[in-house]
Amino acid sequence: MNYKDLADMIFPNAKEISYYEAKYPERNLKEGAVVSRFAPSPTGFVHIGGLYQALVAREMAKKTEGVFFLRVEDTDQKREVENGVTGIVNSLKDFDMLPDEGMITDNEEIGNYGPYKQSLRKDIYEAYAKYLLEQGKAYPCFCTQEEGEEIRKKQESAKIRPGYYGVWAKCRNLTVEEAAEKIKNGEKYIIRFKSPGREDKKIKHHDVIKGNVDFPENDQDIVIIKADGLPTYHFAHAVDDHLMRTTLVIRSDEWLSSVPLHLQLFHELGFKAPKYAHIAPIMKNDNGNKRKLSKRKDPEAAVNYYKEEGIPVNAVKEYLLNIANSNFENWRIANPDKSINEFDFQLNKMSVSGALFDMVKLLDIGKTVISKMTAEEVYQNSLKWAKEYDKELEEMLNDKEFSLKVLGIERGNKKPRKDISKWSDVKNSIIYMYDNKFKPESYEYAKINNKEEVKKILELYLAEYFDIDDDKDTWFNKIKDLAEKVGYAREVKEYKANPENYPGHVGDISTVIRVSLTGRQNTPDMYEIMQVIGKESVQKRLEKAIR
């Protein structure tokens, strides 16, 4: 009996690997085109670090006219969550990052290199596992869980490296006949890779981001096919990346230590290995200590958080590019109105150490992104968000014509308003504009807060100076006239030059009117607010404040 006989006994129905090599040929792409992938497991929500990797992988494929695909690595079915694949697909969809190929719903896919779900590729893995068995590069292992535990305990007490290797690999040296006999007797087994490596030897590797790194060779006989017949991640990813013709693997740097094993698998399977780029994780400042963003501790670790908060998609992507490439910020300053798609992303400009997550910076980017939108764009995005998360805002926005006027205040000019950083800010930033929502319990009048003085200013304004048909200059000159009439400086600079001559200036007078109209000391342009709410509302609000 030989290796081939044993392989036939274990995988009697597996096809020759030549069948799959022909079925998934080299891609017909131009030279230098990158084939990259996002390959998450459906074991929970998509982490912002995963979205970050997907963005980088997609950027590299896009800029080289390559292919970005989504593969779902669902071989660990114990940890799979309900609707896990749908969550992954929807997260990419929410961020306008749908793949060129791969899964597009829970059970639909596009592309010629599928199936793109590992659990549907069992026959492919069997073919390549059989190939390794035929070559004597893999073997069945009959060790029970208890035996594995015993090996680990002995290694721990002897203070040596844990694992299944060398003298600890009990089934490695079984003869073909011994293995066949055990199988015939119904003993359960898994398939292990027979590593040709030695731990005292070094391998040199060039990582696209980290540069040159060297490691001890892999000497572990890892499991490649589990007892349930499904492959382990290590084996499946090597077979998949080869057959899907992946040229660049973007992944978290926690996988860096797996490089010796992965390169060894590629080599022993006769594959050309892809290039690897290991990305540093996104970090968080936790009381002065840096740590990874945690699924358990940090709500912002989940990509759903950004959708629920209503942070614009482009703001999140722009922020991630900002983290990814140190030159992005200068590019944005030089090109304030260009699409992020025009930025020339470079892998070699990625940081080797983890970037700190900065919510303040992200929300600042959100303000800038929203400030450049038209009133219609802000309206549509706010309404879409409100329909899912805020019924009150949705009801306010039902009056589209009025809402567009409200959202159009200080928009489209050289210095647009920047008071909205996310869609969940919209309600609070505009609620006072709606008469049925404007119910101030009190008025906080800054400098002028004597009730009689406030009343006098408002009564005078309504009686002598208010005319809704005034243009902006006329309107503001009338407020200056009002200031002068009640003994305040017409100009701020007048007041600053001789503060002893006046109780205040025109700005203090306009603040009285602003607070009475809106219930707030800080708002966008007051003239525009008056024009939008109209004469009747202005009069009613000022009269209410007088009362």
Protein backbone atom coordinates (compact mmCIF):
# COMPACT_ATOMS: atom_id res chain seq x y z
CA MET A 1 0.00 0.00 0.00
CA ASN A 2 1.30 3.48 -0.80
CA TYR A 3 0.38 7.15 -0.16
CA LYS A 4 -1.93 7.23 -3.20
CA ASP A 5 -3.88 4.22 -1.94
CA LEU A 6 -4.29 5.87 1.46
CA ALA A 7 -5.41 9.12 -0.20
CA ASP A 8 -7.98 7.20 -2.31
CA MET A 9 -9.23 5.45 0.81
CA ILE A 10 -9.74 8.77 2.66
CA PHE A 11 -11.08 10.82 -0.27
CA PRO A 12 -12.47 8.29 -2.77
CA ASN A 13 -14.61 10.85 -4.65
CA ALA A 14 -12.23 13.82 -4.78
CA LYS A 15 -11.38 15.17 -8.23
CA GLU A 16 -7.85 15.64 -9.54
CA ILE A 17 -6.52 19.13 -8.76
CA SER A 18 -5.96 19.64 -12.51
CA TYR A 19 -9.77 19.94 -12.79
CA TYR A 20 -9.81 23.00 -10.49
CA GLU A 21 -6.66 24.53 -11.99
CA ALA A 22 -8.43 24.49 -15.38
CA LYS A 23 -11.76 25.68 -13.94
CA TYR A 24 -10.17 28.73 -12.27
CA PRO A 25 -7.53 29.94 -14.75
CA GLU A 26 -5.22 32.92 -14.34
CA ARG A 27 -7.25 36.11 -14.64
CA ASN A 28 -7.06 38.10 -17.84
CA LEU A 29 -5.99 41.41 -16.32
CA LYS A 30 -3.43 43.99 -17.33
CA GLU A 31 0.07 43.69 -15.89
CA GLY A 32 0.31 44.96 -12.33
CA ALA A 33 -3.45 44.72 -11.69
CA VAL A 34 -4.08 43.82 -8.06
CA VAL A 35 -6.54 41.10 -7.07
CA SER A 36 -7.39 41.71 -3.40
CA ARG A 37 -10.08 40.51 -1.06
CA PHE A 38 -12.01 41.11 2.12
CA ALA A 39 -12.42 37.72 3.82
CA PRO A 40 -14.27 38.04 7.14
CA SER A 41 -15.91 35.32 9.22
CA PRO A 42 -19.65 35.66 9.94
CA THR A 43 -19.06 35.43 13.70
CA GLY A 44 -20.41 38.84 14.80
CA PHE A 45 -20.55 42.45 13.71
CA VAL A 46 -18.05 43.88 11.23
CA HIS A 47 -15.27 45.66 13.15
CA ILE A 48 -14.13 49.13 12.00
CA GLY A 49 -10.67 47.52 11.57
CA GLY A 50 -12.23 45.09 9.09
CA LEU A 51 -13.80 47.96 7.14
CA TYR A 52 -10.39 49.67 7.20
CA GLN A 53 -8.74 46.57 5.66
CA ALA A 54 -11.53 46.30 3.07
CA LEU A 55 -11.10 49.98 2.13
CA VAL A 56 -7.34 49.52 1.64
CA ALA A 57 -7.82 46.30 -0.37
CA ARG A 58 -10.43 47.99 -2.55
CA GLU A 59 -8.27 51.08 -3.10
CA MET A 60 -5.38 48.90 -4.30
CA ALA A 61 -7.61 46.96 -6.71
CA LYS A 62 -9.30 50.12 -8.01
CA LYS A 63 -6.13 52.10 -8.68
CA THR A 64 -4.58 49.22 -10.68
CA GLU A 65 -7.81 48.27 -12.55
CA GLY A 66 -7.81 44.98 -10.68
CA VAL A 67 -10.48 43.05 -8.78
CA PHE A 68 -11.74 43.39 -5.20
CA PHE A 69 -13.79 40.41 -4.02
CA LEU A 70 -15.66 39.35 -0.89
CA ARG A 71 -15.07 35.83 0.40
CA VAL A 72 -16.87 34.59 3.50
CA GLU A 73 -14.73 32.36 5.70
CA ASP A 74 -17.41 30.32 7.47
CA THR A 75 -15.60 27.07 8.24
CA ASP A 76 -15.83 27.65 12.00
CA GLN A 77 -19.55 26.96 12.10
CA LYS A 78 -19.74 26.76 15.91
CA ARG A 79 -19.00 30.49 16.14
CA GLU A 80 -21.20 31.60 13.23
CA VAL A 81 -24.00 34.03 14.17
CA GLU A 82 -27.44 34.27 12.59
CA ASN A 83 -27.52 36.63 9.58
CA GLY A 84 -23.74 36.99 9.86
CA VAL A 85 -23.21 37.04 6.09
CA THR A 86 -26.06 39.52 5.58
CA GLY A 87 -24.40 41.79 8.18
CA ILE A 88 -21.09 41.69 6.30
CA VAL A 89 -22.69 42.39 2.91
CA ASN A 90 -24.86 45.20 4.31
CA SER A 91 -21.88 46.84 6.03
CA LEU A 92 -20.02 47.03 2.71
CA LYS A 93 -23.19 48.25 0.99
CA ASP A 94 -23.71 50.97 3.65
CA PHE A 95 -20.22 52.29 2.93
CA ASP A 96 -20.50 52.10 -0.89
CA MET A 97 -17.86 49.37 -0.96
CA LEU A 98 -19.67 46.48 -2.61
CA PRO A 99 -17.17 44.07 -4.17
CA ASP A 100 -16.56 43.46 -7.88
CA GLU A 101 -17.00 39.75 -7.16
CA GLY A 102 -18.15 37.53 -4.34
CA MET A 103 -21.10 37.45 -1.95
CA ILE A 104 -23.76 40.11 -2.62
CA THR A 105 -26.47 38.70 -0.30
CA ASP A 106 -26.59 35.86 2.21
CA ASN A 107 -26.78 33.28 -0.58
CA GLU A 108 -26.16 35.12 -3.87
CA GLU A 109 -22.82 35.83 -5.47
CA ILE A 110 -21.32 37.28 -8.63
CA GLY A 111 -18.09 36.26 -10.37
CA ASN A 112 -16.49 33.22 -12.00
CA TYR A 113 -14.17 32.16 -9.17
CA GLY A 114 -16.76 30.99 -6.62
CA PRO A 115 -18.29 29.62 -4.58
CA TYR A 116 -17.21 32.59 -2.44
CA LYS A 117 -18.41 30.94 0.78
CA GLN A 118 -15.89 28.47 2.18
CA SER A 119 -18.53 26.06 3.50
CA LEU A 120 -19.59 25.48 -0.13
CA ARG A 121 -16.05 24.61 -1.29
CA LYS A 122 -15.62 21.35 0.63
CA ASP A 123 -14.99 19.28 -2.53
CA ILE A 124 -12.21 21.69 -3.56
CA TYR A 125 -10.41 21.39 -0.21
CA GLU A 126 -10.74 17.61 -0.33
CA ALA A 127 -9.05 17.55 -3.74
CA TYR A 128 -6.04 19.54 -2.45
CA ALA A 129 -5.87 17.64 0.85
CA LYS A 130 -5.87 14.41 -1.18
CA TYR A 131 -3.08 15.83 -3.34
CA LEU A 132 -0.96 16.49 -0.21
CA LEU A 133 -1.70 12.96 1.09
CA GLU A 134 -0.61 11.46 -2.25
CA GLN A 135 2.67 13.38 -2.00
CA GLY A 136 3.28 12.23 1.58
CA LYS A 137 2.94 15.88 2.67
CA ALA A 138 -0.09 15.23 4.88
CA TYR A 139 -1.25 12.36 7.08
CA PRO A 140 -4.27 11.22 9.09
CA CYS A 141 -3.94 11.88 12.83
CA PHE A 142 -5.86 9.69 15.28
CA CYS A 143 -4.94 11.51 18.50
CA THR A 144 -7.96 12.16 20.71
CA GLN A 145 -8.67 15.49 22.42
CA GLU A 146 -7.48 13.95 25.70
CA GLU A 147 -4.16 12.91 24.12
CA GLY A 148 -3.74 16.39 22.71
CA GLU A 149 -4.37 17.85 26.18
CA GLU A 150 -1.82 15.43 27.69
CA ILE A 151 0.84 16.49 25.14
CA ARG A 152 0.18 20.16 25.96
CA LYS A 153 0.49 19.58 29.72
CA LYS A 154 3.80 17.73 29.31
CA GLN A 155 5.15 20.55 27.15
CA GLU A 156 4.05 23.16 29.70
CA SER A 157 5.67 21.34 32.63
CA ALA A 158 8.87 20.90 30.61
CA LYS A 159 8.66 24.63 29.65
CA ILE A 160 8.96 23.92 25.93
CA ARG A 161 7.06 25.26 22.94
CA PRO A 162 3.51 23.94 22.77
CA GLY A 163 2.23 22.30 19.59
CA TYR A 164 2.15 19.17 17.47
CA TYR A 165 5.64 18.88 16.01
CA GLY A 166 8.77 16.75 16.00
CA VAL A 167 8.73 14.04 18.67
CA TRP A 168 5.34 15.28 19.89
CA ALA A 169 3.69 14.49 16.54
CA LYS A 170 2.61 10.98 17.55
CA CYS A 171 0.88 10.05 14.29
CA ARG A 172 3.43 11.59 11.94
CA ASN A 173 5.45 8.42 11.55
CA LEU A 174 2.64 5.88 11.30
CA THR A 175 3.12 3.66 8.25
CA VAL A 176 0.53 3.80 5.48
CA GLU A 177 -0.59 0.32 6.53
CA GLU A 178 -0.98 1.30 10.20
CA ALA A 179 -3.03 4.36 9.24
CA ALA A 180 -5.23 2.32 6.87
CA GLU A 181 -5.83 -0.30 9.58
CA LYS A 182 -6.98 2.36 12.07
CA ILE A 183 -9.35 3.84 9.48
CA LYS A 184 -10.79 0.39 8.74
CA ASN A 185 -11.33 -0.11 12.47
CA GLY A 186 -13.48 3.03 12.51
CA GLU A 187 -11.07 5.21 14.51
CA LYS A 188 -11.84 8.93 14.14
CA TYR A 189 -9.18 11.09 12.55
CA ILE A 190 -8.28 14.51 11.22
CA ILE A 191 -5.79 15.38 8.45
CA ARG A 192 -2.57 17.13 9.38
CA PHE A 193 -0.01 18.88 7.18
CA LYS A 194 3.45 17.29 7.45
CA SER A 195 5.68 20.32 7.91
CA PRO A 196 9.14 20.09 6.31
CA GLY A 197 10.33 23.03 8.45
CA ARG A 198 12.85 23.31 11.26
CA GLU A 199 12.50 25.83 14.04
CA ASP A 200 16.26 26.47 14.14
CA LYS A 201 16.17 27.72 10.54
CA LYS A 202 15.13 31.25 9.54
CA ILE A 203 13.00 32.48 6.63
CA LYS A 204 13.25 35.98 5.18
CA HIS A 205 10.09 37.69 4.00
CA HIS A 206 9.28 41.09 2.51
CA ASP A 207 6.00 42.52 3.78
CA VAL A 208 4.59 45.34 1.64
CA ILE A 209 3.99 47.53 4.73
CA LYS A 210 6.37 46.21 7.40
CA GLY A 211 9.34 45.77 5.06
CA ASN A 212 11.88 42.95 5.52
CA VAL A 213 11.13 40.59 8.40
CA ASP A 214 12.59 37.23 9.32
CA PHE A 215 11.06 34.39 11.31
CA PRO A 216 11.89 30.88 12.45
CA GLU A 217 10.61 28.31 9.94
CA ASN A 218 7.29 26.65 10.72
CA ASP A 219 7.68 23.13 12.07
CA GLN A 220 4.12 22.61 13.37
CA ASP A 221 2.04 19.84 11.79
CA ILE A 222 -1.14 21.89 11.72
CA VAL A 223 -4.60 20.43 11.15
CA ILE A 224 -5.78 21.06 7.59
CA ILE A 225 -9.05 19.07 7.59
CA LYS A 226 -11.07 18.92 10.81
CA ALA A 227 -13.17 16.01 12.10
CA ASP A 228 -16.29 17.58 10.51
CA GLY A 229 -14.62 17.40 7.09
CA LEU A 230 -14.21 21.18 6.82
CA PRO A 231 -10.79 22.79 6.43
CA THR A 232 -9.02 24.98 8.95
CA TYR A 233 -8.55 28.68 8.12
CA HIS A 234 -4.85 28.22 7.28
CA PHE A 235 -5.42 25.54 4.67
CA ALA A 236 -8.62 26.99 3.19
CA HIS A 237 -7.16 30.47 2.70
CA ALA A 238 -4.14 29.09 0.85
CA VAL A 239 -6.28 27.03 -1.54
CA ASP A 240 -8.78 29.88 -2.02
CA ASP A 241 -6.24 32.65 -2.56
CA HIS A 242 -4.51 30.46 -5.16
CA LEU A 243 -7.66 29.50 -7.07
CA MET A 244 -9.21 32.96 -6.83
CA ARG A 245 -5.86 34.27 -8.14
CA THR A 246 -5.34 36.70 -5.27
CA THR A 247 -2.16 38.74 -5.75
CA LEU A 248 -2.23 40.88 -2.60
CA VAL A 249 -3.51 39.92 0.85
CA ILE A 250 -4.32 42.88 3.11
CA ARG A 251 -4.83 41.73 6.67
CA SER A 252 -4.32 42.68 10.31
CA ASP A 253 -0.79 42.41 11.66
CA GLU A 254 -1.93 39.82 14.21
CA TRP A 255 -1.52 37.40 11.26
CA LEU A 256 2.14 38.35 10.74
CA SER A 257 3.35 35.43 12.86
CA SER A 258 1.44 33.03 10.55
CA VAL A 259 3.52 34.06 7.51
CA PRO A 260 6.06 31.17 7.83
CA LEU A 261 3.23 28.61 7.93
CA HIS A 262 1.29 30.23 5.08
CA LEU A 263 4.31 30.56 2.80
CA GLN A 264 5.18 26.92 3.57
CA LEU A 265 1.66 25.77 2.66
CA PHE A 266 1.79 27.68 -0.64
CA HIS A 267 5.18 26.17 -1.42
CA GLU A 268 4.19 22.58 -0.57
CA LEU A 269 0.98 22.89 -2.58
CA GLY A 270 3.01 24.12 -5.57
CA PHE A 271 1.37 27.58 -5.56
CA LYS A 272 2.87 31.02 -6.08
CA ALA A 273 2.26 32.93 -2.85
CA PRO A 274 0.51 36.31 -2.97
CA LYS A 275 2.17 39.43 -1.56
CA TYR A 276 1.22 40.15 2.04
CA ALA A 277 0.55 43.56 3.58
CA HIS A 278 -0.03 43.50 7.33
CA ILE A 279 -1.91 46.53 8.62
CA ALA A 280 -1.35 47.87 12.13
CA PRO A 281 -4.58 47.85 14.19
CA ILE A 282 -6.60 50.95 15.04
CA MET A 283 -5.74 51.87 18.62
CA LYS A 284 -7.52 53.76 21.38
CA ASN A 285 -6.13 56.02 24.07
CA ASP A 286 -7.40 54.55 27.35
CA ASN A 287 -6.30 56.79 30.24
CA GLY A 288 -2.89 57.34 28.68
CA ASN A 289 -2.42 53.72 27.58
CA LYS A 290 -2.71 52.59 23.97
CA ARG A 291 -4.85 49.53 23.32
CA LYS A 292 -6.69 48.02 20.38
CA LEU A 293 -10.26 49.12 19.76
CA SER A 294 -12.25 46.44 21.53
CA LYS A 295 -15.48 44.78 20.40
CA ARG A 296 -16.49 44.47 24.05
CA LYS A 297 -15.58 47.90 25.40
CA ASP A 298 -15.89 50.38 22.54
CA PRO A 299 -19.17 51.04 20.70
CA GLU A 300 -17.20 52.70 17.88
CA ALA A 301 -15.50 49.36 17.14
CA ALA A 302 -18.68 48.19 15.34
CA VAL A 303 -19.36 49.64 11.88
CA ASN A 304 -23.10 49.70 12.72
CA TYR A 305 -22.29 52.43 15.25
CA TYR A 306 -21.48 54.88 12.44
CA LYS A 307 -24.74 54.13 10.68
CA GLU A 308 -26.78 54.46 13.87
CA GLU A 309 -25.10 57.77 14.76
CA GLY A 310 -25.57 58.94 11.19
CA ILE A 311 -21.92 59.78 10.54
CA PRO A 312 -21.74 60.33 6.75
CA VAL A 313 -20.26 57.42 4.80
CA ASN A 314 -17.75 59.70 3.06
CA ALA A 315 -16.61 61.14 6.40
CA VAL A 316 -15.81 57.65 7.74
CA LYS A 317 -13.97 56.69 4.53
CA GLU A 318 -12.09 59.98 4.47
CA TYR A 319 -11.10 59.51 8.12
CA LEU A 320 -9.86 55.96 7.44
CA LEU A 321 -7.79 57.20 4.46
CA ASN A 322 -6.43 59.87 6.80
CA ILE A 323 -5.29 57.11 9.19
CA ALA A 324 -4.01 54.97 6.32
CA ASN A 325 -1.87 57.52 4.45
CA SER A 326 -0.01 60.30 6.24
CA ASN A 327 -0.09 62.48 3.10
CA PHE A 328 -3.89 62.37 2.77
CA GLU A 329 -4.42 65.41 5.02
CA ASN A 330 -2.15 67.63 2.93
CA TRP A 331 -3.78 66.33 -0.26
CA ARG A 332 -7.20 67.25 1.15
CA ILE A 333 -6.04 70.77 2.09
CA ALA A 334 -4.69 71.24 -1.45
CA ASN A 335 -7.82 69.70 -3.04
CA PRO A 336 -10.76 70.65 -0.79
CA ASP A 337 -13.41 69.88 -3.39
CA LYS A 338 -12.01 66.73 -5.04
CA SER A 339 -13.59 63.32 -4.54
CA ILE A 340 -11.60 60.95 -2.31
CA ASN A 341 -11.57 58.62 -5.32
CA GLU A 342 -8.97 60.92 -6.89
CA PHE A 343 -6.49 60.46 -4.03
CA ASP A 344 -3.47 58.38 -5.05
CA PHE A 345 -3.41 55.84 -2.23
CA GLN A 346 0.00 54.24 -1.53
CA LEU A 347 0.51 51.08 0.55
CA ASN A 348 4.10 52.01 1.36
CA LYS A 349 2.88 55.18 3.09
CA MET A 350 0.94 53.20 5.68
CA SER A 351 2.07 53.43 9.28
CA VAL A 352 3.92 50.44 10.76
CA SER A 353 2.47 51.20 14.22
CA GLY A 354 -1.23 51.51 15.01
CA ALA A 355 -3.00 54.84 14.48
CA LEU A 356 -4.98 56.27 17.40
CA PHE A 357 -8.72 56.52 16.81
CA ASP A 358 -9.86 60.14 17.18
CA MET A 359 -13.63 60.69 17.31
CA VAL A 360 -13.20 64.49 17.48
CA LYS A 361 -11.26 64.43 14.20
CA LEU A 362 -13.84 62.13 12.59
CA LEU A 363 -16.71 64.44 13.58
CA ASP A 364 -14.77 67.46 12.29
CA ILE A 365 -14.46 65.70 8.94
CA GLY A 366 -18.20 64.98 9.17
CA LYS A 367 -18.89 68.72 9.58
CA THR A 368 -16.79 69.55 6.54
CA VAL A 369 -18.36 66.81 4.40
CA ILE A 370 -21.92 67.92 5.30
CA SER A 371 -21.08 71.62 4.86
CA LYS A 372 -20.28 70.96 1.18
CA MET A 373 -23.60 69.24 0.48
CA THR A 374 -26.62 70.95 -1.08
CA ALA A 375 -29.78 71.40 0.99
CA GLU A 376 -31.38 68.61 -1.07
CA GLU A 377 -28.50 66.21 -0.26
CA VAL A 378 -28.68 67.04 3.45
CA TYR A 379 -32.45 66.61 3.33
CA GLN A 380 -32.34 63.21 1.59
CA ASN A 381 -29.60 61.84 3.87
CA SER A 382 -31.32 63.12 7.02
CA LEU A 383 -34.67 61.70 5.95
CA LYS A 384 -33.16 58.30 5.13
CA TRP A 385 -31.49 58.19 8.54
CA ALA A 386 -34.58 59.49 10.38
CA LYS A 387 -36.85 56.84 8.83
CA GLU A 388 -34.76 54.21 10.58
CA TYR A 389 -33.72 55.95 13.80
CA ASP A 390 -35.77 59.08 14.65
CA LYS A 391 -39.52 59.27 14.02
CA GLU A 392 -39.79 62.86 15.32
CA LEU A 393 -37.21 64.10 12.82
CA GLU A 394 -38.92 62.15 10.06
CA GLU A 395 -42.21 63.89 10.90
CA MET A 396 -40.48 67.32 10.86
CA LEU A 397 -38.98 66.59 7.44
CA ASN A 398 -42.35 65.59 5.98
CA ASP A 399 -42.79 69.25 5.03
CA LYS A 400 -40.11 69.07 2.36
CA GLU A 401 -40.46 72.60 0.99
CA PHE A 402 -40.03 74.23 4.41
CA SER A 403 -37.29 71.78 5.46
CA LEU A 404 -35.25 72.57 2.32
CA LYS A 405 -35.42 76.28 3.19
CA VAL A 406 -34.30 75.50 6.77
CA LEU A 407 -31.42 73.30 5.64
CA GLY A 408 -30.48 75.82 2.95
CA ILE A 409 -29.61 78.54 5.49
CA GLU A 410 -25.92 79.49 5.13
CA ARG A 411 -25.37 76.75 2.59
CA GLY A 412 -23.59 77.04 -0.75
CA ASN A 413 -21.63 80.19 0.14
CA LYS A 414 -17.89 80.66 0.68
CA LYS A 415 -18.11 79.91 4.41
CA PRO A 416 -20.96 77.41 4.78
CA ARG A 417 -22.34 76.54 8.21
CA LYS A 418 -20.55 73.73 10.04
CA ASP A 419 -22.95 72.93 12.86
CA ILE A 420 -23.89 69.41 11.70
CA SER A 421 -21.33 66.60 12.02
CA LYS A 422 -23.74 63.66 11.66
CA TRP A 423 -27.37 63.03 10.76
CA SER A 424 -28.26 62.53 14.42
CA ASP A 425 -27.29 66.22 14.97
CA VAL A 426 -29.85 67.49 12.46
CA LYS A 427 -32.91 67.50 14.71
CA ASN A 428 -31.27 69.52 17.46
CA SER A 429 -29.70 71.94 14.98
CA ILE A 430 -33.03 72.83 13.27
CA ILE A 431 -35.84 72.00 15.74
CA TYR A 432 -36.35 75.63 16.83
CA MET A 433 -37.25 76.54 13.24
CA TYR A 434 -40.51 74.58 13.47
CA ASP A 435 -43.27 76.55 15.24
CA ASN A 436 -44.93 73.42 16.65
CA LYS A 437 -41.59 72.35 18.19
CA PHE A 438 -40.44 75.78 19.44
CA LYS A 439 -41.30 75.74 23.15
CA PRO A 440 -38.58 77.56 25.11
CA GLU A 441 -38.97 77.15 28.86
CA SER A 442 -36.68 80.10 29.51
CA TYR A 443 -34.52 82.56 27.59
CA GLU A 444 -30.78 82.78 28.37
CA TYR A 445 -30.00 86.36 27.33
CA ALA A 446 -26.18 86.66 27.57
CA LYS A 447 -25.08 90.23 28.43
CA ILE A 448 -28.44 92.03 28.42
CA ASN A 449 -30.56 90.05 30.88
CA ASN A 450 -32.63 92.69 32.69
CA LYS A 451 -36.25 91.78 31.91
CA GLU A 452 -37.43 95.36 31.49
CA GLU A 453 -34.53 96.23 29.20
CA VAL A 454 -35.13 93.10 27.07
CA LYS A 455 -38.84 93.96 26.85
CA LYS A 456 -38.08 97.56 25.80
CA ILE A 457 -35.67 96.42 23.04
CA LEU A 458 -38.13 93.86 21.61
CA GLU A 459 -41.12 96.24 21.73
CA LEU A 460 -39.13 98.98 20.00
CA TYR A 461 -37.89 96.53 17.36
CA LEU A 462 -41.40 95.32 16.53
CA ALA A 463 -42.93 98.80 16.58
CA GLU A 464 -40.32 100.76 14.62
CA TYR A 465 -37.69 98.60 12.92
CA PHE A 466 -39.11 95.23 11.84
CA ASP A 467 -40.02 94.80 8.17
CA ILE A 468 -39.80 91.29 6.65
CA ASP A 469 -39.32 92.79 3.16
CA ASP A 470 -36.05 94.57 4.05
CA ASP A 471 -32.90 93.39 2.29
CA LYS A 472 -30.10 92.19 4.55
CA ASP A 473 -28.12 95.46 4.66
CA THR A 474 -31.23 97.53 5.43
CA TRP A 475 -32.26 95.00 8.11
CA PHE A 476 -28.88 95.18 9.85
CA ASN A 477 -28.68 98.98 9.63
CA LYS A 478 -32.04 99.13 11.39
CA ILE A 479 -30.65 96.97 14.23
CA LYS A 480 -27.75 99.46 14.47
CA ASP A 481 -30.32 102.28 14.63
CA LEU A 482 -32.15 100.42 17.40
CA ALA A 483 -28.85 99.94 19.31
CA GLU A 484 -28.11 103.67 19.04
CA LYS A 485 -31.63 104.58 20.17
CA VAL A 486 -31.28 102.59 23.42
CA GLY A 487 -27.77 103.98 24.08
CA TYR A 488 -25.64 101.10 22.75
CA ALA A 489 -22.71 101.42 20.31
CA ARG A 490 -23.69 101.07 16.61
CA GLU A 491 -20.40 99.26 15.89
CA VAL A 492 -18.43 96.73 17.95
CA LYS A 493 -15.20 98.62 17.27
CA GLU A 494 -16.78 101.84 18.62
CA TYR A 495 -17.57 100.02 21.84
CA LYS A 496 -14.09 98.49 22.06
CA ALA A 497 -12.48 101.91 21.58
CA ASN A 498 -14.59 103.57 24.33
CA PRO A 499 -16.22 100.86 26.49
CA GLU A 500 -16.92 103.36 29.28
CA ASN A 501 -19.30 105.32 26.99
CA TYR A 502 -21.75 102.45 26.32
CA PRO A 503 -23.46 99.63 28.24
CA GLY A 504 -22.81 97.38 25.22
CA HIS A 505 -22.88 97.21 21.40
CA VAL A 506 -25.03 96.22 18.44
CA GLY A 507 -24.05 92.53 18.87
CA ASP A 508 -25.66 92.49 22.32
CA ILE A 509 -28.89 93.93 20.85
CA SER A 510 -28.98 91.33 18.05
CA THR A 511 -28.40 88.58 20.67
CA VAL A 512 -31.59 89.66 22.47
CA ILE A 513 -33.55 89.33 19.22
CA ARG A 514 -31.81 86.04 18.32
CA VAL A 515 -32.52 84.40 21.71
CA SER A 516 -36.14 85.57 21.61
CA LEU A 517 -36.56 84.14 18.11
CA THR A 518 -34.73 80.83 18.53
CA GLY A 519 -34.15 80.19 22.24
CA ARG A 520 -30.40 80.05 21.46
CA GLN A 521 -27.43 82.40 21.61
CA ASN A 522 -25.66 80.72 18.69
CA THR A 523 -27.46 80.01 15.42
CA PRO A 524 -26.79 80.38 11.70
CA ASP A 525 -27.53 83.73 10.03
CA MET A 526 -30.46 85.46 11.83
CA TYR A 527 -31.65 87.38 8.76
CA GLU A 528 -31.99 84.09 6.82
CA ILE A 529 -33.82 82.50 9.78
CA MET A 530 -36.36 85.34 9.75
CA GLN A 531 -36.87 85.02 6.01
CA VAL A 532 -37.53 81.27 6.33
CA ILE A 533 -39.93 81.32 9.31
CA GLY A 534 -41.76 84.39 7.94
CA LYS A 535 -43.33 87.56 9.30
CA GLU A 536 -46.11 85.97 11.32
CA SER A 537 -43.78 83.57 13.17
CA VAL A 538 -41.25 86.31 13.90
CA GLN A 539 -43.97 88.53 15.41
CA LYS A 540 -45.51 85.70 17.46
CA ARG A 541 -42.14 84.60 18.83
CA LEU A 542 -41.04 88.12 19.80
CA GLU A 543 -44.42 88.84 21.39
CA LYS A 544 -44.17 85.59 23.36
CA ALA A 545 -40.72 86.64 24.63
CA ILE A 546 -42.11 90.07 25.62
CA ARG A 547 -44.87 88.35 27.63
